[in-house]
Amino acid sequence: MGCIFVLIAGLFPRLALFIVWVARPKMVDAAFDTWIWPLLGFLFLPFATLMYVILWRSGGLSGWDWFWVALAAFLDLVHWGSSWTQRRTVPGYPATA
């Protein structure tokens, strides 16, 4: 079951975060003080938020844990950037600079 969750988290981080939030709300509540931060993370940086919640469970974040959260945030930003560049061009029309 754990391998299936890892595949879902890698491919669909919003779905994985939603599953964690519904199945284990105490886990998300322990990582954040209010509900607004996980909601904003769900919308804008889902992979980083999921990584933060999972790593928080191990007793808080320290040292290399922040590296993994930063890497996840970087991957989220790369995803946003690639989506933006793909949206700029319309298939069948020349790209404008």
PDB file of N, CA and C in Angstrom:
ATOM      1  N   MET A   1       0.828  -1.196   0.000  1.00  0.00           N
ATOM      2  CA  MET A   1       0.000   0.000   0.000  1.00  0.00           C
ATOM      3  C   MET A   1       0.871   1.258   0.000  1.00  0.00           C
ATOM      4  N   GLY A   2       2.010   1.190   0.663  1.00  0.00           N
ATOM      5  CA  GLY A   2       2.893   2.344   0.710  1.00  0.00           C
ATOM      6  C   GLY A   2       3.458   2.704  -0.652  1.00  0.00           C
ATOM      7  N   CYS A   3       3.752   1.691  -1.469  1.00  0.00           N
ATOM      8  CA  CYS A   3       4.294   1.958  -2.815  1.00  0.00           C
ATOM      9  C   CYS A   3       3.263   2.638  -3.692  1.00  0.00           C
ATOM     10  N   ILE A   4       2.005   2.265  -3.551  1.00  0.00           N
ATOM     11  CA  ILE A   4       0.942   2.913  -4.328  1.00  0.00           C
ATOM     12  C   ILE A   4       0.824   4.375  -3.927  1.00  0.00           C
ATOM     13  N   PHE A   5       0.927   4.666  -2.633  1.00  0.00           N
ATOM     14  CA  PHE A   5       0.850   6.057  -2.185  1.00  0.00           C
ATOM     15  C   PHE A   5       2.022   6.870  -2.717  1.00  0.00           C
ATOM     16  N   VAL A   6       3.208   6.285  -2.776  1.00  0.00           N
ATOM     17  CA  VAL A   6       4.374   6.990  -3.309  1.00  0.00           C
ATOM     18  C   VAL A   6       4.169   7.304  -4.785  1.00  0.00           C
ATOM     19  N   LEU A   7       3.622   6.378  -5.543  1.00  0.00           N
ATOM     20  CA  LEU A   7       3.333   6.633  -6.959  1.00  0.00           C
ATOM     21  C   LEU A   7       2.301   7.735  -7.120  1.00  0.00           C
ATOM     22  N   ILE A   8       1.247   7.707  -6.311  1.00  0.00           N
ATOM     23  CA  ILE A   8       0.228   8.759  -6.368  1.00  0.00           C
ATOM     24  C   ILE A   8       0.840  10.096  -5.995  1.00  0.00           C
ATOM     25  N   ALA A   9       1.674  10.124  -4.967  1.00  0.00           N
ATOM     26  CA  ALA A   9       2.290  11.376  -4.518  1.00  0.00           C
ATOM     27  C   ALA A   9       3.207  11.955  -5.583  1.00  0.00           C
ATOM     28  N   GLY A  10       3.928  11.098  -6.282  1.00  0.00           N
ATOM     29  CA  GLY A  10       4.821  11.579  -7.326  1.00  0.00           C
ATOM     30  C   GLY A  10       4.086  12.091  -8.551  1.00  0.00           C
ATOM     31  N   LEU A  11       3.000  11.446  -8.897  1.00  0.00           N
ATOM     32  CA  LEU A  11       2.258  11.828 -10.098  1.00  0.00           C
ATOM     33  C   LEU A  11       1.176  12.868  -9.830  1.00  0.00           C
ATOM     34  N   PHE A  12       0.509  12.738  -8.701  1.00  0.00           N
ATOM     35  CA  PHE A  12      -0.606  13.621  -8.371  1.00  0.00           C
ATOM     36  C   PHE A  12      -0.468  14.132  -6.942  1.00  0.00           C
ATOM     37  N   PRO A  13       0.396  15.117  -6.697  1.00  0.00           N
ATOM     38  CA  PRO A  13       0.630  15.547  -5.308  1.00  0.00           C
ATOM     39  C   PRO A  13      -0.609  16.153  -4.650  1.00  0.00           C
ATOM     40  N   ARG A  14      -1.477  16.808  -5.423  1.00  0.00           N
ATOM     41  CA  ARG A  14      -2.693  17.360  -4.816  1.00  0.00           C
ATOM     42  C   ARG A  14      -3.609  16.246  -4.322  1.00  0.00           C
ATOM     43  N   LEU A  15      -3.732  15.195  -5.102  1.00  0.00           N
ATOM     44  CA  LEU A  15      -4.549  14.060  -4.685  1.00  0.00           C
ATOM     45  C   LEU A  15      -3.961  13.404  -3.443  1.00  0.00           C
ATOM     46  N   ALA A  16      -2.650  13.229  -3.421  1.00  0.00           N
ATOM     47  CA  ALA A  16      -2.004  12.614  -2.259  1.00  0.00           C
ATOM     48  C   ALA A  16      -2.175  13.479  -1.017  1.00  0.00           C
ATOM     49  N   LEU A  17      -2.022  14.798  -1.174  1.00  0.00           N
ATOM     50  CA  LEU A  17      -2.210  15.691  -0.025  1.00  0.00           C
ATOM     51  C   LEU A  17      -3.655  15.656   0.453  1.00  0.00           C
ATOM     52  N   PHE A  18      -4.597  15.603  -0.472  1.00  0.00           N
ATOM     53  CA  PHE A  18      -6.008  15.508  -0.102  1.00  0.00           C
ATOM     54  C   PHE A  18      -6.289  14.203   0.652  1.00  0.00           C
ATOM     55  N   ILE A  19      -5.704  13.102   0.173  1.00  0.00           N
ATOM     56  CA  ILE A  19      -5.901  11.816   0.858  1.00  0.00           C
ATOM     57  C   ILE A  19      -5.341  11.868   2.277  1.00  0.00           C
ATOM     58  N   VAL A  20      -4.159  12.438   2.436  1.00  0.00           N
ATOM     59  CA  VAL A  20      -3.562  12.557   3.772  1.00  0.00           C
ATOM     60  C   VAL A  20      -4.423  13.446   4.656  1.00  0.00           C
ATOM     61  N   TRP A  21      -4.923  14.556   4.098  1.00  0.00           N
ATOM     62  CA  TRP A  21      -5.718  15.500   4.880  1.00  0.00           C
ATOM     63  C   TRP A  21      -7.038  14.881   5.328  1.00  0.00           C
ATOM     64  N   VAL A  22      -7.645  14.075   4.480  1.00  0.00           N
ATOM     65  CA  VAL A  22      -8.925  13.439   4.838  1.00  0.00           C
ATOM     66  C   VAL A  22      -8.699  12.236   5.748  1.00  0.00           C
ATOM     67  N   ALA A  23      -7.706  11.415   5.427  1.00  0.00           N
ATOM     68  CA  ALA A  23      -7.479  10.191   6.191  1.00  0.00           C
ATOM     69  C   ALA A  23      -6.841  10.454   7.552  1.00  0.00           C
ATOM     70  N   ARG A  24      -5.935  11.430   7.612  1.00  0.00           N
ATOM     71  CA  ARG A  24      -5.228  11.734   8.866  1.00  0.00           C
ATOM     72  C   ARG A  24      -5.186  13.238   9.103  1.00  0.00           C
ATOM     73  N   PRO A  25      -6.319  13.822   9.461  1.00  0.00           N
ATOM     74  CA  PRO A  25      -6.337  15.277   9.657  1.00  0.00           C
ATOM     75  C   PRO A  25      -5.445  15.744  10.805  1.00  0.00           C
ATOM     76  N   LYS A  26      -5.239  14.908  11.800  1.00  0.00           N
ATOM     77  CA  LYS A  26      -4.364  15.283  12.920  1.00  0.00           C
ATOM     78  C   LYS A  26      -2.918  15.464  12.454  1.00  0.00           C
ATOM     79  N   MET A  27      -2.524  14.704  11.436  1.00  0.00           N
ATOM     80  CA  MET A  27      -1.167  14.810  10.905  1.00  0.00           C
ATOM     81  C   MET A  27      -0.942  16.174  10.258  1.00  0.00           C
ATOM     82  N   VAL A  28      -1.931  16.649   9.514  1.00  0.00           N
ATOM     83  CA  VAL A  28      -1.828  17.966   8.877  1.00  0.00           C
ATOM     84  C   VAL A  28      -1.975  19.059   9.928  1.00  0.00           C
ATOM     85  N   ASP A  29      -2.874  18.881  10.879  1.00  0.00           N
ATOM     86  CA  ASP A  29      -3.061  19.876  11.936  1.00  0.00           C
ATOM     87  C   ASP A  29      -1.819  20.031  12.800  1.00  0.00           C
ATOM     88  N   ALA A  30      -1.082  18.947  12.992  1.00  0.00           N
ATOM     89  CA  ALA A  30       0.144  19.025  13.800  1.00  0.00           C
ATOM     90  C   ALA A  30       1.226  19.825  13.078  1.00  0.00           C
ATOM     91  N   ALA A  31       1.243  19.769  11.750  1.00  0.00           N
ATOM     92  CA  ALA A  31       2.281  20.461  10.985  1.00  0.00           C
ATOM     93  C   ALA A  31       1.992  21.948  10.826  1.00  0.00           C
ATOM     94  N   PHE A  32       0.722  22.335  10.844  1.00  0.00           N
ATOM     95  CA  PHE A  32       0.338  23.727  10.628  1.00  0.00           C
ATOM     96  C   PHE A  32      -0.556  24.214  11.761  1.00  0.00           C
ATOM     97  N   ASP A  33      -0.487  25.523  12.053  1.00  0.00           N
ATOM     98  CA  ASP A  33      -1.296  26.093  13.119  1.00  0.00           C
ATOM     99  C   ASP A  33      -2.736  26.341  12.686  1.00  0.00           C
ATOM    100  N   THR A  34      -2.921  26.807  11.447  1.00  0.00           N
ATOM    101  CA  THR A  34      -4.264  27.110  10.948  1.00  0.00           C
ATOM    102  C   THR A  34      -4.530  26.307   9.691  1.00  0.00           C
ATOM    103  N   TRP A  35      -5.742  26.362   9.219  1.00  0.00           N
ATOM    104  CA  TRP A  35      -6.123  25.628   8.013  1.00  0.00           C
ATOM    105  C   TRP A  35      -5.759  26.375   6.735  1.00  0.00           C
ATOM    106  N   ILE A  36      -5.424  27.657   6.841  1.00  0.00           N
ATOM    107  CA  ILE A  36      -5.170  28.448   5.642  1.00  0.00           C
ATOM    108  C   ILE A  36      -3.850  28.053   4.967  1.00  0.00           C
ATOM    109  N   TRP A  37      -2.801  27.735   5.725  1.00  0.00           N
ATOM    110  CA  TRP A  37      -1.516  27.386   5.131  1.00  0.00           C
ATOM    111  C   TRP A  37      -1.564  26.085   4.344  1.00  0.00           C
ATOM    112  N   PRO A  38      -2.168  25.024   4.870  1.00  0.00           N
ATOM    113  CA  PRO A  38      -2.246  23.825   4.022  1.00  0.00           C
ATOM    114  C   PRO A  38      -3.147  24.031   2.803  1.00  0.00           C
ATOM    115  N   LEU A  39      -4.167  24.879   2.934  1.00  0.00           N
ATOM    116  CA  LEU A  39      -5.022  25.158   1.780  1.00  0.00           C
ATOM    117  C   LEU A  39      -4.244  25.908   0.702  1.00  0.00           C
ATOM    118  N   LEU A  40      -3.471  26.919   1.101  1.00  0.00           N
ATOM    119  CA  LEU A  40      -2.643  27.638   0.132  1.00  0.00           C
ATOM    120  C   LEU A  40      -1.573  26.719  -0.466  1.00  0.00           C
ATOM    121  N   GLY A  41      -1.018  25.849   0.350  1.00  0.00           N
ATOM    122  CA  GLY A  41      -0.058  24.877  -0.153  1.00  0.00           C
ATOM    123  C   GLY A  41      -0.697  23.905  -1.124  1.00  0.00           C
ATOM    124  N   PHE A  42      -1.929  23.521  -0.847  1.00  0.00           N
ATOM    125  CA  PHE A  42      -2.673  22.630  -1.748  1.00  0.00           C
ATOM    126  C   PHE A  42      -2.871  23.281  -3.110  1.00  0.00           C
ATOM    127  N   LEU A  43      -3.128  24.577  -3.112  1.00  0.00           N
ATOM    128  CA  LEU A  43      -3.383  25.286  -4.365  1.00  0.00           C
ATOM    129  C   LEU A  43      -2.105  25.614  -5.131  1.00  0.00           C
ATOM    130  N   PHE A  44      -1.060  26.092  -4.454  1.00  0.00           N
ATOM    131  CA  PHE A  44       0.099  26.639  -5.137  1.00  0.00           C
ATOM    132  C   PHE A  44       1.346  25.763  -5.095  1.00  0.00           C
ATOM    133  N   LEU A  45       1.640  25.125  -3.973  1.00  0.00           N
ATOM    134  CA  LEU A  45       2.844  24.291  -3.829  1.00  0.00           C
ATOM    135  C   LEU A  45       2.472  22.936  -3.211  1.00  0.00           C
ATOM    136  N   PRO A  46       1.744  22.101  -3.950  1.00  0.00           N
ATOM    137  CA  PRO A  46       1.238  20.866  -3.334  1.00  0.00           C
ATOM    138  C   PRO A  46       2.328  19.867  -2.963  1.00  0.00           C
ATOM    139  N   PHE A  47       3.350  19.712  -3.799  1.00  0.00           N
ATOM    140  CA  PHE A  47       4.388  18.733  -3.499  1.00  0.00           C
ATOM    141  C   PHE A  47       5.205  19.153  -2.282  1.00  0.00           C
ATOM    142  N   ALA A  48       5.515  20.444  -2.182  1.00  0.00           N
ATOM    143  CA  ALA A  48       6.268  20.939  -1.024  1.00  0.00           C
ATOM    144  C   ALA A  48       5.441  20.817   0.255  1.00  0.00           C
ATOM    145  N   THR A  49       4.158  21.090   0.168  1.00  0.00           N
ATOM    146  CA  THR A  49       3.289  20.965   1.341  1.00  0.00           C
ATOM    147  C   THR A  49       3.178  19.519   1.786  1.00  0.00           C
ATOM    148  N   LEU A  50       3.033  18.620   0.829  1.00  0.00           N
ATOM    149  CA  LEU A  50       2.977  17.198   1.155  1.00  0.00           C
ATOM    150  C   LEU A  50       4.280  16.737   1.802  1.00  0.00           C
ATOM    151  N   MET A  51       5.397  17.168   1.259  1.00  0.00           N
ATOM    152  CA  MET A  51       6.700  16.806   1.817  1.00  0.00           C
ATOM    153  C   MET A  51       6.852  17.365   3.238  1.00  0.00           C
ATOM    154  N   TYR A  52       6.409  18.603   3.451  1.00  0.00           N
ATOM    155  CA  TYR A  52       6.483  19.223   4.770  1.00  0.00           C
ATOM    156  C   TYR A  52       5.664  18.430   5.791  1.00  0.00           C
ATOM    157  N   VAL A  53       4.447  18.041   5.418  1.00  0.00           N
ATOM    158  CA  VAL A  53       3.575  17.297   6.337  1.00  0.00           C
ATOM    159  C   VAL A  53       4.183  15.939   6.662  1.00  0.00           C
ATOM    160  N   ILE A  54       4.698  15.261   5.666  1.00  0.00           N
ATOM    161  CA  ILE A  54       5.280  13.932   5.898  1.00  0.00           C
ATOM    162  C   ILE A  54       6.529  14.031   6.768  1.00  0.00           C
ATOM    163  N   LEU A  55       7.384  15.013   6.499  1.00  0.00           N
ATOM    164  CA  LEU A  55       8.608  15.147   7.289  1.00  0.00           C
ATOM    165  C   LEU A  55       8.342  15.691   8.689  1.00  0.00           C
ATOM    166  N   TRP A  56       7.283  16.456   8.863  1.00  0.00           N
ATOM    167  CA  TRP A  56       6.954  16.988  10.183  1.00  0.00           C
ATOM    168  C   TRP A  56       6.610  15.856  11.139  1.00  0.00           C
ATOM    169  N   ARG A  57       6.037  14.801  10.613  1.00  0.00           N
ATOM    170  CA  ARG A  57       5.624  13.671  11.440  1.00  0.00           C
ATOM    171  C   ARG A  57       6.807  13.010  12.141  1.00  0.00           C
ATOM    172  N   SER A  58       7.985  13.130  11.567  1.00  0.00           N
ATOM    173  CA  SER A  58       9.155  12.480  12.153  1.00  0.00           C
ATOM    174  C   SER A  58       9.767  13.272  13.308  1.00  0.00           C
ATOM    175  N   GLY A  59       9.064  14.281  13.796  1.00  0.00           N
ATOM    176  CA  GLY A  59       9.546  15.024  14.954  1.00  0.00           C
ATOM    177  C   GLY A  59       9.987  16.434  14.640  1.00  0.00           C
ATOM    178  N   GLY A  60       9.418  17.034  13.646  1.00  0.00           N
ATOM    179  CA  GLY A  60       9.793  18.395  13.274  1.00  0.00           C
ATOM    180  C   GLY A  60      10.842  18.389  12.175  1.00  0.00           C
ATOM    181  N   LEU A  61      11.103  19.553  11.634  1.00  0.00           N
ATOM    182  CA  LEU A  61      12.056  19.669  10.546  1.00  0.00           C
ATOM    183  C   LEU A  61      13.373  20.241  11.053  1.00  0.00           C
ATOM    184  N   SER A  62      14.446  19.597  10.655  1.00  0.00           N
ATOM    185  CA  SER A  62      15.776  20.097  11.006  1.00  0.00           C
ATOM    186  C   SER A  62      16.772  19.537  10.009  1.00  0.00           C
ATOM    187  N   GLY A  63      17.815  20.286   9.757  1.00  0.00           N
ATOM    188  CA  GLY A  63      18.897  19.822   8.909  1.00  0.00           C
ATOM    189  C   GLY A  63      18.484  19.514   7.484  1.00  0.00           C
ATOM    190  N   TRP A  64      18.702  18.266   7.085  1.00  0.00           N
ATOM    191  CA  TRP A  64      18.437  17.847   5.718  1.00  0.00           C
ATOM    192  C   TRP A  64      16.959  17.812   5.383  1.00  0.00           C
ATOM    193  N   ASP A  65      16.080  17.812   6.358  1.00  0.00           N
ATOM    194  CA  ASP A  65      14.648  17.840   6.073  1.00  0.00           C
ATOM    195  C   ASP A  65      14.281  19.085   5.274  1.00  0.00           C
ATOM    196  N   TRP A  66      14.913  20.199   5.588  1.00  0.00           N
ATOM    197  CA  TRP A  66      14.637  21.439   4.855  1.00  0.00           C
ATOM    198  C   TRP A  66      15.112  21.344   3.415  1.00  0.00           C
ATOM    199  N   PHE A  67      16.169  20.578   3.175  1.00  0.00           N
ATOM    200  CA  PHE A  67      16.620  20.370   1.801  1.00  0.00           C
ATOM    201  C   PHE A  67      15.538  19.700   0.973  1.00  0.00           C
ATOM    202  N   TRP A  68      14.876  18.685   1.526  1.00  0.00           N
ATOM    203  CA  TRP A  68      13.842  17.962   0.782  1.00  0.00           C
ATOM    204  C   TRP A  68      12.622  18.842   0.541  1.00  0.00           C
ATOM    205  N   VAL A  69      12.278  19.671   1.520  1.00  0.00           N
ATOM    206  CA  VAL A  69      11.154  20.594   1.329  1.00  0.00           C
ATOM    207  C   VAL A  69      11.512  21.624   0.262  1.00  0.00           C
ATOM    208  N   ALA A  70      12.733  22.128   0.290  1.00  0.00           N
ATOM    209  CA  ALA A  70      13.162  23.103  -0.720  1.00  0.00           C
ATOM    210  C   ALA A  70      13.212  22.468  -2.106  1.00  0.00           C
ATOM    211  N   LEU A  71      13.670  21.236  -2.198  1.00  0.00           N
ATOM    212  CA  LEU A  71      13.679  20.536  -3.486  1.00  0.00           C
ATOM    213  C   LEU A  71      12.257  20.344  -4.010  1.00  0.00           C
ATOM    214  N   ALA A  72      11.336  19.997  -3.140  1.00  0.00           N
ATOM    215  CA  ALA A  72       9.941  19.841  -3.549  1.00  0.00           C
ATOM    216  C   ALA A  72       9.357  21.180  -3.997  1.00  0.00           C
ATOM    217  N   ALA A  73       9.681  22.260  -3.296  1.00  0.00           N
ATOM    218  CA  ALA A  73       9.212  23.589  -3.700  1.00  0.00           C
ATOM    219  C   ALA A  73       9.797  23.967  -5.060  1.00  0.00           C
ATOM    220  N   PHE A  74      11.073  23.636  -5.281  1.00  0.00           N
ATOM    221  CA  PHE A  74      11.692  23.896  -6.576  1.00  0.00           C
ATOM    222  C   PHE A  74      10.979  23.125  -7.684  1.00  0.00           C
ATOM    223  N   LEU A  75      10.647  21.871  -7.435  1.00  0.00           N
ATOM    224  CA  LEU A  75       9.916  21.078  -8.428  1.00  0.00           C
ATOM    225  C   LEU A  75       8.532  21.661  -8.702  1.00  0.00           C
ATOM    226  N   ASP A  76       7.876  22.163  -7.662  1.00  0.00           N
ATOM    227  CA  ASP A  76       6.579  22.831  -7.869  1.00  0.00           C
ATOM    228  C   ASP A  76       6.740  24.070  -8.744  1.00  0.00           C
ATOM    229  N   LEU A  77       7.780  24.861  -8.488  1.00  0.00           N
ATOM    230  CA  LEU A  77       8.011  26.068  -9.285  1.00  0.00           C
ATOM    231  C   LEU A  77       8.378  25.731 -10.725  1.00  0.00           C
ATOM    232  N   VAL A  78       9.149  24.666 -10.927  1.00  0.00           N
ATOM    233  CA  VAL A  78       9.476  24.227 -12.282  1.00  0.00           C
ATOM    234  C   VAL A  78       8.201  23.795 -13.009  1.00  0.00           C
ATOM    235  N   HIS A  79       7.323  23.136 -12.303  1.00  0.00           N
ATOM    236  CA  HIS A  79       6.046  22.733 -12.906  1.00  0.00           C
ATOM    237  C   HIS A  79       5.235  23.961 -13.330  1.00  0.00           C
ATOM    238  N   TRP A  80       5.180  24.974 -12.456  1.00  0.00           N
ATOM    239  CA  TRP A  80       4.467  26.210 -12.800  1.00  0.00           C
ATOM    240  C   TRP A  80       5.108  26.867 -14.014  1.00  0.00           C
ATOM    241  N   GLY A  81       6.431  26.921 -14.055  1.00  0.00           N
ATOM    242  CA  GLY A  81       7.131  27.547 -15.172  1.00  0.00           C
ATOM    243  C   GLY A  81       6.926  26.811 -16.485  1.00  0.00           C
ATOM    244  N   SER A  82       6.976  25.491 -16.444  1.00  0.00           N
ATOM    245  CA  SER A  82       6.771  24.734 -17.676  1.00  0.00           C
ATOM    246  C   SER A  82       5.327  24.853 -18.153  1.00  0.00           C
ATOM    247  N   SER A  83       4.391  24.919 -17.243  1.00  0.00           N
ATOM    248  CA  SER A  83       2.991  25.126 -17.636  1.00  0.00           C
ATOM    249  C   SER A  83       2.811  26.485 -18.288  1.00  0.00           C
ATOM    250  N   TRP A  84       3.502  27.493 -17.773  1.00  0.00           N
ATOM    251  CA  TRP A  84       3.384  28.841 -18.322  1.00  0.00           C
ATOM    252  C   TRP A  84       3.966  28.911 -19.733  1.00  0.00           C
ATOM    253  N   THR A  85       5.117  28.270 -19.944  1.00  0.00           N
ATOM    254  CA  THR A  85       5.725  28.319 -21.275  1.00  0.00           C
ATOM    255  C   THR A  85       4.914  27.529 -22.295  1.00  0.00           C
ATOM    256  N   GLN A  86       4.286  26.443 -21.883  1.00  0.00           N
ATOM    257  CA  GLN A  86       3.460  25.677 -22.807  1.00  0.00           C
ATOM    258  C   GLN A  86       2.171  26.414 -23.146  1.00  0.00           C
ATOM    259  N   ARG A  87       1.692  27.224 -22.247  1.00  0.00           N
ATOM    260  CA  ARG A  87       0.464  27.972 -22.477  1.00  0.00           C
ATOM    261  C   ARG A  87       0.682  29.141 -23.435  1.00  0.00           C
ATOM    262  N   ARG A  88       1.909  29.614 -23.567  1.00  0.00           N
ATOM    263  CA  ARG A  88       2.194  30.765 -24.416  1.00  0.00           C
ATOM    264  C   ARG A  88       2.053  30.444 -25.891  1.00  0.00           C
ATOM    265  N   THR A  89       2.245  29.198 -26.286  1.00  0.00           N
ATOM    266  CA  THR A  89       2.153  28.849 -27.692  1.00  0.00           C
ATOM    267  C   THR A  89       0.871  28.084 -27.958  1.00  0.00           C
ATOM    268  N   VAL A  90       0.259  28.371 -29.091  1.00  0.00           N
ATOM    269  CA  VAL A  90      -0.943  27.680 -29.521  1.00  0.00           C
ATOM    270  C   VAL A  90      -0.548  26.759 -30.658  1.00  0.00           C
ATOM    271  N   PRO A  91      -0.923  25.484 -30.597  1.00  0.00           N
ATOM    272  CA  PRO A  91      -0.541  24.579 -31.663  1.00  0.00           C
ATOM    273  C   PRO A  91      -1.047  25.060 -33.026  1.00  0.00           C
ATOM    274  N   GLY A  92      -0.172  25.012 -34.023  1.00  0.00           N
ATOM    275  CA  GLY A  92      -0.550  25.421 -35.359  1.00  0.00           C
ATOM    276  C   GLY A  92      -0.238  26.880 -35.670  1.00  0.00           C
ATOM    277  N   TYR A  93       0.132  27.664 -34.653  1.00  0.00           N
ATOM    278  CA  TYR A  93       0.474  29.069 -34.860  1.00  0.00           C
ATOM    279  C   TYR A  93       1.932  29.300 -34.502  1.00  0.00           C
ATOM    280  N   PRO A  94       2.581  30.220 -35.165  1.00  0.00           N
ATOM    281  CA  PRO A  94       3.989  30.478 -34.823  1.00  0.00           C
ATOM    282  C   PRO A  94       4.116  31.092 -33.425  1.00  0.00           C
ATOM    283  N   ALA A  95       5.190  30.737 -32.759  1.00  0.00           N
ATOM    284  CA  ALA A  95       5.435  31.271 -31.416  1.00  0.00           C
ATOM    285  C   ALA A  95       5.877  32.719 -31.516  1.00  0.00           C
ATOM    286  N   THR A  96       5.364  33.543 -30.617  1.00  0.00           N
ATOM    287  CA  THR A  96       5.744  34.953 -30.584  1.00  0.00           C
ATOM    288  C   THR A  96       6.721  35.163 -29.435  1.00  0.00           C
ATOM    289  N   ALA A  97       7.681  35.990 -29.667  1.00  0.00           N
ATOM    290  CA  ALA A  97       8.679  36.255 -28.638  1.00  0.00           C
ATOM    291  C   ALA A  97       8.282  37.416 -27.870  1.00  0.00           C
TER     292      ALA A  97
END
